[in-house]
N, C-alpha and C. Protein backbone atom coordinates (compact mmCIF):
# COMPACT_ATOMS: atom_id res chain seq x y z
N MET A 1 6.57 -17.90 -6.62
CA MET A 1 5.85 -16.88 -5.90
C MET A 1 5.84 -17.24 -4.41
N PRO A 2 6.17 -16.27 -3.58
CA PRO A 2 6.32 -16.57 -2.16
C PRO A 2 4.98 -16.69 -1.43
N GLY A 3 5.02 -17.44 -0.33
CA GLY A 3 3.87 -17.59 0.52
C GLY A 3 3.90 -16.59 1.67
N ILE A 4 3.03 -16.79 2.62
CA ILE A 4 2.82 -15.85 3.72
C ILE A 4 4.09 -15.63 4.53
N ASP A 5 4.74 -16.70 4.97
CA ASP A 5 5.92 -16.55 5.84
C ASP A 5 7.05 -15.80 5.16
N VAL A 6 7.30 -16.12 3.90
CA VAL A 6 8.36 -15.44 3.16
C VAL A 6 8.04 -13.95 3.00
N CYS A 7 6.81 -13.64 2.67
CA CYS A 7 6.40 -12.24 2.50
C CYS A 7 6.52 -11.46 3.80
N LEU A 8 6.09 -12.06 4.90
CA LEU A 8 6.19 -11.36 6.18
C LEU A 8 7.64 -11.14 6.60
N ARG A 9 8.50 -12.11 6.33
CA ARG A 9 9.93 -11.90 6.63
C ARG A 9 10.51 -10.77 5.77
N GLU A 10 10.08 -10.68 4.52
CA GLU A 10 10.54 -9.61 3.65
C GLU A 10 10.10 -8.25 4.18
N VAL A 11 8.87 -8.16 4.64
CA VAL A 11 8.36 -6.91 5.21
C VAL A 11 9.16 -6.54 6.46
N MET A 12 9.49 -7.54 7.27
CA MET A 12 10.26 -7.27 8.49
C MET A 12 11.69 -6.84 8.21
N SER A 13 12.18 -7.05 7.00
CA SER A 13 13.53 -6.62 6.66
C SER A 13 13.60 -5.11 6.40
N LEU A 14 12.45 -4.46 6.30
CA LEU A 14 12.43 -3.01 6.10
C LEU A 14 12.95 -2.29 7.34
N PRO A 15 13.73 -1.24 7.16
CA PRO A 15 14.19 -0.48 8.33
C PRO A 15 13.01 0.05 9.14
N GLY A 16 13.08 -0.15 10.44
CA GLY A 16 12.06 0.36 11.34
C GLY A 16 10.88 -0.56 11.57
N SER A 17 10.83 -1.70 10.88
CA SER A 17 9.70 -2.63 11.07
C SER A 17 9.74 -3.23 12.46
N ARG A 18 8.65 -3.10 13.16
CA ARG A 18 8.54 -3.68 14.51
C ARG A 18 7.70 -4.93 14.51
N GLY A 19 6.75 -5.02 13.57
CA GLY A 19 5.89 -6.18 13.48
C GLY A 19 5.11 -6.14 12.18
N ALA A 20 4.68 -7.31 11.74
CA ALA A 20 3.90 -7.39 10.49
C ALA A 20 2.92 -8.55 10.61
N ALA A 21 1.83 -8.43 9.86
CA ALA A 21 0.83 -9.49 9.87
C ALA A 21 0.07 -9.50 8.55
N LEU A 22 -0.44 -10.65 8.23
CA LEU A 22 -1.40 -10.81 7.13
C LEU A 22 -2.73 -11.06 7.81
N VAL A 23 -3.72 -10.22 7.51
CA VAL A 23 -4.98 -10.25 8.24
C VAL A 23 -6.15 -10.41 7.28
N ASP A 24 -7.09 -11.28 7.65
CA ASP A 24 -8.37 -11.36 6.95
C ASP A 24 -9.26 -10.32 7.61
N TRP A 25 -9.47 -9.20 6.93
CA TRP A 25 -10.18 -8.10 7.58
C TRP A 25 -11.68 -8.32 7.66
N SER A 26 -12.20 -9.33 6.99
CA SER A 26 -13.63 -9.59 7.10
C SER A 26 -13.98 -10.22 8.45
N CYS A 27 -13.02 -10.91 9.06
CA CYS A 27 -13.30 -11.56 10.34
C CYS A 27 -12.30 -11.21 11.44
N GLY A 28 -11.20 -10.54 11.10
CA GLY A 28 -10.23 -10.14 12.11
C GLY A 28 -9.22 -11.20 12.47
N LEU A 29 -9.06 -12.20 11.63
CA LEU A 29 -8.14 -13.30 11.89
C LEU A 29 -6.75 -13.00 11.32
N ALA A 30 -5.72 -13.20 12.15
CA ALA A 30 -4.35 -13.09 11.67
C ALA A 30 -3.98 -14.39 10.98
N LEU A 31 -3.70 -14.33 9.67
CA LEU A 31 -3.31 -15.51 8.91
C LEU A 31 -1.84 -15.83 9.12
N GLY A 32 -1.08 -14.86 9.59
CA GLY A 32 0.32 -15.01 9.90
C GLY A 32 0.82 -13.73 10.52
N SER A 33 1.82 -13.83 11.39
CA SER A 33 2.39 -12.63 11.99
C SER A 33 3.83 -12.88 12.38
N VAL A 34 4.61 -11.81 12.41
CA VAL A 34 6.01 -11.87 12.84
C VAL A 34 6.32 -10.60 13.64
N GLY A 35 7.32 -10.68 14.47
CA GLY A 35 7.74 -9.51 15.24
C GLY A 35 6.79 -9.21 16.38
N ASP A 36 6.85 -7.97 16.84
CA ASP A 36 6.01 -7.51 17.94
C ASP A 36 4.64 -7.09 17.42
N ALA A 37 3.71 -6.97 18.35
CA ALA A 37 2.37 -6.49 18.01
C ALA A 37 2.03 -5.34 18.95
N PRO A 38 1.55 -4.23 18.40
CA PRO A 38 1.15 -3.14 19.28
C PRO A 38 -0.02 -3.58 20.15
N GLY A 39 0.02 -3.22 21.41
CA GLY A 39 -1.07 -3.63 22.29
C GLY A 39 -0.87 -5.01 22.88
N GLY A 40 0.21 -5.68 22.52
CA GLY A 40 0.52 -6.94 23.17
C GLY A 40 0.42 -8.20 22.34
N THR A 41 -0.74 -8.50 21.76
CA THR A 41 -0.89 -9.79 21.08
C THR A 41 -1.21 -9.60 19.60
N PRO A 42 -0.73 -10.49 18.75
CA PRO A 42 -1.05 -10.42 17.33
C PRO A 42 -2.56 -10.54 17.07
N GLU A 43 -3.25 -11.31 17.89
CA GLU A 43 -4.70 -11.49 17.71
C GLU A 43 -5.45 -10.18 17.93
N THR A 44 -5.05 -9.43 18.96
CA THR A 44 -5.68 -8.13 19.24
C THR A 44 -5.39 -7.15 18.12
N ALA A 45 -4.13 -7.10 17.69
CA ALA A 45 -3.75 -6.19 16.61
C ALA A 45 -4.51 -6.53 15.33
N ALA A 46 -4.66 -7.82 15.03
CA ALA A 46 -5.39 -8.23 13.83
C ALA A 46 -6.85 -7.81 13.90
N ALA A 47 -7.48 -8.02 15.04
CA ALA A 47 -8.89 -7.65 15.19
C ALA A 47 -9.09 -6.15 15.06
N GLU A 48 -8.21 -5.37 15.67
CA GLU A 48 -8.34 -3.92 15.61
C GLU A 48 -8.02 -3.39 14.22
N THR A 49 -7.04 -3.99 13.56
CA THR A 49 -6.71 -3.62 12.18
C THR A 49 -7.89 -3.91 11.26
N ALA A 50 -8.54 -5.06 11.47
CA ALA A 50 -9.70 -5.44 10.66
C ALA A 50 -10.85 -4.45 10.85
N ASP A 51 -11.05 -3.99 12.07
CA ASP A 51 -12.11 -3.00 12.32
C ASP A 51 -11.86 -1.73 11.50
N LEU A 52 -10.63 -1.26 11.50
CA LEU A 52 -10.27 -0.06 10.75
C LEU A 52 -10.46 -0.28 9.25
N ALA A 53 -10.06 -1.43 8.77
CA ALA A 53 -10.21 -1.75 7.34
C ALA A 53 -11.68 -1.78 6.94
N ARG A 54 -12.51 -2.42 7.75
CA ARG A 54 -13.94 -2.48 7.43
C ARG A 54 -14.56 -1.09 7.40
N LEU A 55 -14.17 -0.24 8.33
CA LEU A 55 -14.69 1.13 8.34
C LEU A 55 -14.34 1.86 7.05
N SER A 56 -13.11 1.70 6.59
CA SER A 56 -12.69 2.41 5.38
C SER A 56 -13.44 1.92 4.15
N MET A 57 -13.85 0.66 4.15
CA MET A 57 -14.57 0.10 3.01
C MET A 57 -16.06 0.43 3.03
N GLU A 58 -16.59 0.79 4.20
CA GLU A 58 -18.02 1.08 4.32
C GLU A 58 -18.41 2.42 3.73
N TYR A 59 -17.53 3.38 3.75
CA TYR A 59 -17.88 4.74 3.40
C TYR A 59 -17.46 5.11 1.98
N GLY A 60 -18.38 5.68 1.24
CA GLY A 60 -18.12 6.09 -0.14
C GLY A 60 -17.08 7.18 -0.25
N THR A 61 -16.88 7.93 0.81
CA THR A 61 -15.88 9.00 0.80
C THR A 61 -14.50 8.48 0.43
N PHE A 62 -14.20 7.26 0.84
CA PHE A 62 -12.87 6.70 0.63
C PHE A 62 -12.75 5.90 -0.65
N GLN A 63 -13.78 5.89 -1.47
CA GLN A 63 -13.75 5.18 -2.74
C GLN A 63 -13.54 6.19 -3.86
N SER A 64 -12.74 5.84 -4.82
CA SER A 64 -12.53 6.72 -5.97
C SER A 64 -13.70 6.62 -6.92
N ALA A 65 -13.89 7.65 -7.69
CA ALA A 65 -14.94 7.64 -8.72
C ALA A 65 -14.54 6.66 -9.81
N PRO A 66 -15.52 6.08 -10.49
CA PRO A 66 -15.21 5.15 -11.58
C PRO A 66 -14.49 5.86 -12.72
N GLU A 67 -13.62 5.11 -13.36
CA GLU A 67 -12.97 5.63 -14.55
C GLU A 67 -14.00 5.64 -15.67
N THR A 68 -13.93 6.65 -16.52
CA THR A 68 -14.94 6.74 -17.57
C THR A 68 -14.38 6.57 -18.97
N ASP A 69 -13.09 6.36 -19.09
CA ASP A 69 -12.52 6.11 -20.41
C ASP A 69 -11.41 5.08 -20.28
N GLY A 70 -10.99 4.56 -21.39
CA GLY A 70 -9.92 3.57 -21.38
C GLY A 70 -10.47 2.16 -21.39
N PRO A 71 -9.56 1.17 -21.36
CA PRO A 71 -9.96 -0.23 -21.52
C PRO A 71 -10.77 -0.78 -20.35
N ASP A 72 -10.68 -0.19 -19.15
CA ASP A 72 -11.42 -0.69 -17.99
C ASP A 72 -12.67 0.13 -17.71
N ARG A 73 -13.22 0.76 -18.72
CA ARG A 73 -14.37 1.64 -18.53
C ARG A 73 -15.55 0.90 -17.91
N THR A 74 -16.27 1.57 -17.04
CA THR A 74 -17.42 0.97 -16.40
C THR A 74 -18.66 1.17 -17.26
N ASP A 75 -19.73 0.48 -16.89
CA ASP A 75 -20.97 0.55 -17.65
C ASP A 75 -21.80 1.79 -17.35
N GLY A 76 -21.54 2.47 -16.28
CA GLY A 76 -22.36 3.63 -15.94
C GLY A 76 -21.72 4.47 -14.86
N PRO A 77 -22.18 5.70 -14.71
CA PRO A 77 -21.55 6.61 -13.75
C PRO A 77 -21.79 6.25 -12.30
N ASP A 78 -22.81 5.44 -12.01
CA ASP A 78 -23.12 5.10 -10.63
C ASP A 78 -22.49 3.79 -10.18
N ARG A 79 -21.77 3.15 -11.03
CA ARG A 79 -21.18 1.87 -10.68
C ARG A 79 -20.07 2.07 -9.66
N THR A 80 -20.05 1.24 -8.59
CA THR A 80 -19.07 1.42 -7.52
C THR A 80 -18.22 0.17 -7.29
N ASP A 81 -18.26 -0.78 -8.21
CA ASP A 81 -17.42 -1.95 -8.07
C ASP A 81 -16.85 -2.31 -9.43
N GLY A 82 -15.95 -3.28 -9.43
CA GLY A 82 -15.41 -3.76 -10.70
C GLY A 82 -14.10 -3.08 -11.05
N PRO A 83 -13.56 -3.44 -12.21
CA PRO A 83 -12.23 -2.97 -12.60
C PRO A 83 -12.14 -1.49 -12.88
N GLY A 84 -13.25 -0.82 -13.14
CA GLY A 84 -13.19 0.61 -13.43
C GLY A 84 -13.10 1.48 -12.21
N CYS A 85 -13.27 0.91 -11.03
CA CYS A 85 -13.22 1.69 -9.79
C CYS A 85 -11.98 1.31 -9.00
N ARG A 86 -11.46 2.26 -8.30
CA ARG A 86 -10.31 1.99 -7.45
C ARG A 86 -10.75 2.09 -5.99
N ALA A 87 -10.67 0.98 -5.31
CA ALA A 87 -10.99 0.97 -3.88
C ALA A 87 -9.77 1.45 -3.10
N VAL A 88 -9.88 1.50 -1.81
CA VAL A 88 -8.77 1.89 -0.95
C VAL A 88 -7.59 0.96 -1.20
N GLU A 89 -6.42 1.52 -1.39
CA GLU A 89 -5.21 0.72 -1.57
C GLU A 89 -4.45 0.58 -0.25
N ASP A 90 -4.25 1.70 0.44
CA ASP A 90 -3.50 1.73 1.69
C ASP A 90 -4.23 2.56 2.72
N LEU A 91 -4.03 2.22 3.97
CA LEU A 91 -4.42 3.08 5.08
C LEU A 91 -3.16 3.33 5.89
N ILE A 92 -2.98 4.56 6.33
CA ILE A 92 -1.82 4.89 7.14
C ILE A 92 -2.32 5.64 8.37
N VAL A 93 -2.00 5.10 9.53
CA VAL A 93 -2.32 5.75 10.79
C VAL A 93 -1.00 6.18 11.41
N THR A 94 -0.90 7.46 11.72
CA THR A 94 0.32 8.01 12.27
C THR A 94 0.13 8.32 13.75
N THR A 95 1.03 7.81 14.57
CA THR A 95 1.05 8.17 15.98
C THR A 95 2.36 8.92 16.25
N ARG A 96 2.56 9.32 17.47
CA ARG A 96 3.79 10.07 17.78
C ARG A 96 5.06 9.25 17.59
N THR A 97 4.94 7.93 17.72
CA THR A 97 6.14 7.10 17.65
C THR A 97 6.14 6.09 16.51
N ALA A 98 5.03 5.97 15.79
CA ALA A 98 4.96 4.89 14.80
C ALA A 98 4.03 5.23 13.65
N TYR A 99 4.21 4.45 12.57
CA TYR A 99 3.26 4.41 11.46
C TYR A 99 2.64 3.02 11.47
N HIS A 100 1.36 2.96 11.22
CA HIS A 100 0.66 1.69 11.05
C HIS A 100 0.16 1.71 9.60
N VAL A 101 0.71 0.82 8.79
CA VAL A 101 0.41 0.82 7.36
C VAL A 101 -0.35 -0.46 7.02
N LEU A 102 -1.50 -0.29 6.39
CA LEU A 102 -2.34 -1.40 5.96
C LEU A 102 -2.40 -1.37 4.44
N ARG A 103 -2.04 -2.45 3.80
CA ARG A 103 -2.08 -2.57 2.35
C ARG A 103 -3.09 -3.64 1.97
N PHE A 104 -4.15 -3.26 1.28
CA PHE A 104 -5.18 -4.20 0.85
C PHE A 104 -4.66 -5.03 -0.31
N ILE A 105 -4.98 -6.31 -0.29
CA ILE A 105 -4.50 -7.24 -1.31
C ILE A 105 -5.68 -7.72 -2.15
N GLU A 106 -5.54 -7.59 -3.45
CA GLU A 106 -6.56 -8.12 -4.36
C GLU A 106 -6.29 -9.61 -4.56
N THR A 107 -7.34 -10.41 -4.37
CA THR A 107 -7.22 -11.85 -4.55
C THR A 107 -8.29 -12.32 -5.54
N ALA A 108 -8.13 -13.54 -6.00
CA ALA A 108 -9.08 -14.11 -6.94
C ALA A 108 -10.42 -14.43 -6.28
N PHE A 109 -10.41 -14.62 -4.96
CA PHE A 109 -11.67 -14.99 -4.32
C PHE A 109 -12.41 -13.78 -3.79
N ASP A 110 -12.11 -13.21 -2.62
CA ASP A 110 -12.94 -12.13 -2.10
C ASP A 110 -12.20 -10.86 -1.70
N SER A 111 -10.91 -10.81 -1.87
CA SER A 111 -10.10 -9.63 -1.58
C SER A 111 -10.34 -9.06 -0.18
N SER A 112 -10.41 -9.94 0.81
CA SER A 112 -10.61 -9.49 2.18
C SER A 112 -9.35 -9.67 3.01
N VAL A 113 -8.20 -9.53 2.38
CA VAL A 113 -6.92 -9.73 3.04
C VAL A 113 -6.10 -8.46 2.95
N LEU A 114 -5.35 -8.18 4.01
CA LEU A 114 -4.45 -7.03 3.98
C LEU A 114 -3.13 -7.37 4.65
N LEU A 115 -2.10 -6.67 4.22
CA LEU A 115 -0.80 -6.73 4.87
C LEU A 115 -0.72 -5.55 5.83
N TYR A 116 -0.26 -5.81 7.03
CA TYR A 116 -0.15 -4.77 8.04
C TYR A 116 1.30 -4.72 8.53
N VAL A 117 1.84 -3.52 8.65
CA VAL A 117 3.17 -3.37 9.24
C VAL A 117 3.14 -2.24 10.26
N TRP A 118 3.77 -2.51 11.39
CA TRP A 118 3.95 -1.54 12.46
C TRP A 118 5.38 -1.02 12.31
N LEU A 119 5.50 0.25 11.99
CA LEU A 119 6.78 0.84 11.60
C LEU A 119 7.20 1.93 12.59
N ASP A 120 8.43 1.82 13.10
CA ASP A 120 8.96 2.86 13.98
C ASP A 120 9.10 4.16 13.21
N ARG A 121 8.59 5.22 13.77
CA ARG A 121 8.57 6.50 13.06
C ARG A 121 9.96 7.12 12.90
N ASP A 122 10.85 6.88 13.86
CA ASP A 122 12.19 7.47 13.78
C ASP A 122 13.11 6.75 12.82
N THR A 123 12.98 5.44 12.70
CA THR A 123 13.92 4.68 11.87
C THR A 123 13.31 4.13 10.59
N GLY A 124 12.00 4.21 10.46
CA GLY A 124 11.33 3.68 9.28
C GLY A 124 11.21 4.71 8.17
N ASN A 125 10.99 4.21 6.97
CA ASN A 125 10.79 5.05 5.81
C ASN A 125 9.41 4.73 5.25
N LEU A 126 8.47 5.64 5.45
CA LEU A 126 7.09 5.40 5.06
C LEU A 126 6.94 5.17 3.55
N ALA A 127 7.60 5.97 2.74
CA ALA A 127 7.48 5.82 1.29
C ALA A 127 8.04 4.47 0.82
N ALA A 128 9.21 4.11 1.32
CA ALA A 128 9.80 2.82 0.93
C ALA A 128 8.93 1.66 1.41
N THR A 129 8.34 1.80 2.57
CA THR A 129 7.46 0.75 3.10
C THR A 129 6.24 0.57 2.22
N ARG A 130 5.62 1.66 1.81
CA ARG A 130 4.45 1.56 0.93
C ARG A 130 4.81 0.87 -0.38
N LEU A 131 5.94 1.22 -0.96
CA LEU A 131 6.36 0.59 -2.22
C LEU A 131 6.64 -0.90 -2.03
N ARG A 132 7.32 -1.25 -0.94
CA ARG A 132 7.63 -2.65 -0.69
C ARG A 132 6.36 -3.46 -0.42
N LEU A 133 5.42 -2.90 0.34
CA LEU A 133 4.17 -3.60 0.60
C LEU A 133 3.40 -3.85 -0.70
N ARG A 134 3.42 -2.86 -1.59
CA ARG A 134 2.76 -3.04 -2.88
C ARG A 134 3.38 -4.21 -3.64
N ASP A 135 4.71 -4.25 -3.68
CA ASP A 135 5.40 -5.32 -4.39
C ASP A 135 5.15 -6.69 -3.76
N VAL A 136 5.21 -6.74 -2.44
CA VAL A 136 4.97 -7.99 -1.73
C VAL A 136 3.54 -8.47 -1.98
N ALA A 137 2.58 -7.56 -1.92
CA ALA A 137 1.18 -7.91 -2.11
C ALA A 137 0.94 -8.48 -3.52
N GLU A 138 1.63 -7.95 -4.50
CA GLU A 138 1.46 -8.43 -5.87
C GLU A 138 2.03 -9.85 -6.06
N ARG A 139 3.05 -10.19 -5.28
CA ARG A 139 3.70 -11.48 -5.43
C ARG A 139 3.17 -12.56 -4.50
N LEU A 140 2.40 -12.17 -3.52
CA LEU A 140 1.93 -13.10 -2.49
C LEU A 140 1.02 -14.17 -3.08
N VAL A 141 1.26 -15.41 -2.67
CA VAL A 141 0.43 -16.53 -3.11
C VAL A 141 -0.38 -16.98 -1.90
N LEU A 142 -1.68 -16.90 -2.04
CA LEU A 142 -2.58 -17.37 -0.99
C LEU A 142 -3.27 -18.65 -1.47
N GLU A 143 -3.15 -19.70 -0.69
CA GLU A 143 -3.75 -20.99 -1.08
C GLU A 143 -4.81 -21.39 -0.09
């Protein structure tokens, strides 16, 4: 299973990738970064990405309703955490020249990590990027 550097290099191999980072969105720290960073520095991009991630997690509007049947059923209709609920998986911010894609990573400890990629809008493929980020996130080993 690959670590941070290998995963970030894989993300950068996507057509249109301008920069990528692994960010702890609870504190805004870049755990690793490659390529360019919008706004100049990877630290600034990580902090701003973390702000956006925290906002999406604060509001119930962006949370899915709990599943009510099947093996991951929740204990009650008001439950908002656990395996029966689906939290935000991706955030996509579109500008005139780029896509900013944030993929939340589930971890064994606190799940406060995300993969971020800055993708050129003319040469990048948003759908392929989302699929690749999902695959990379599933294989990433955080120690």
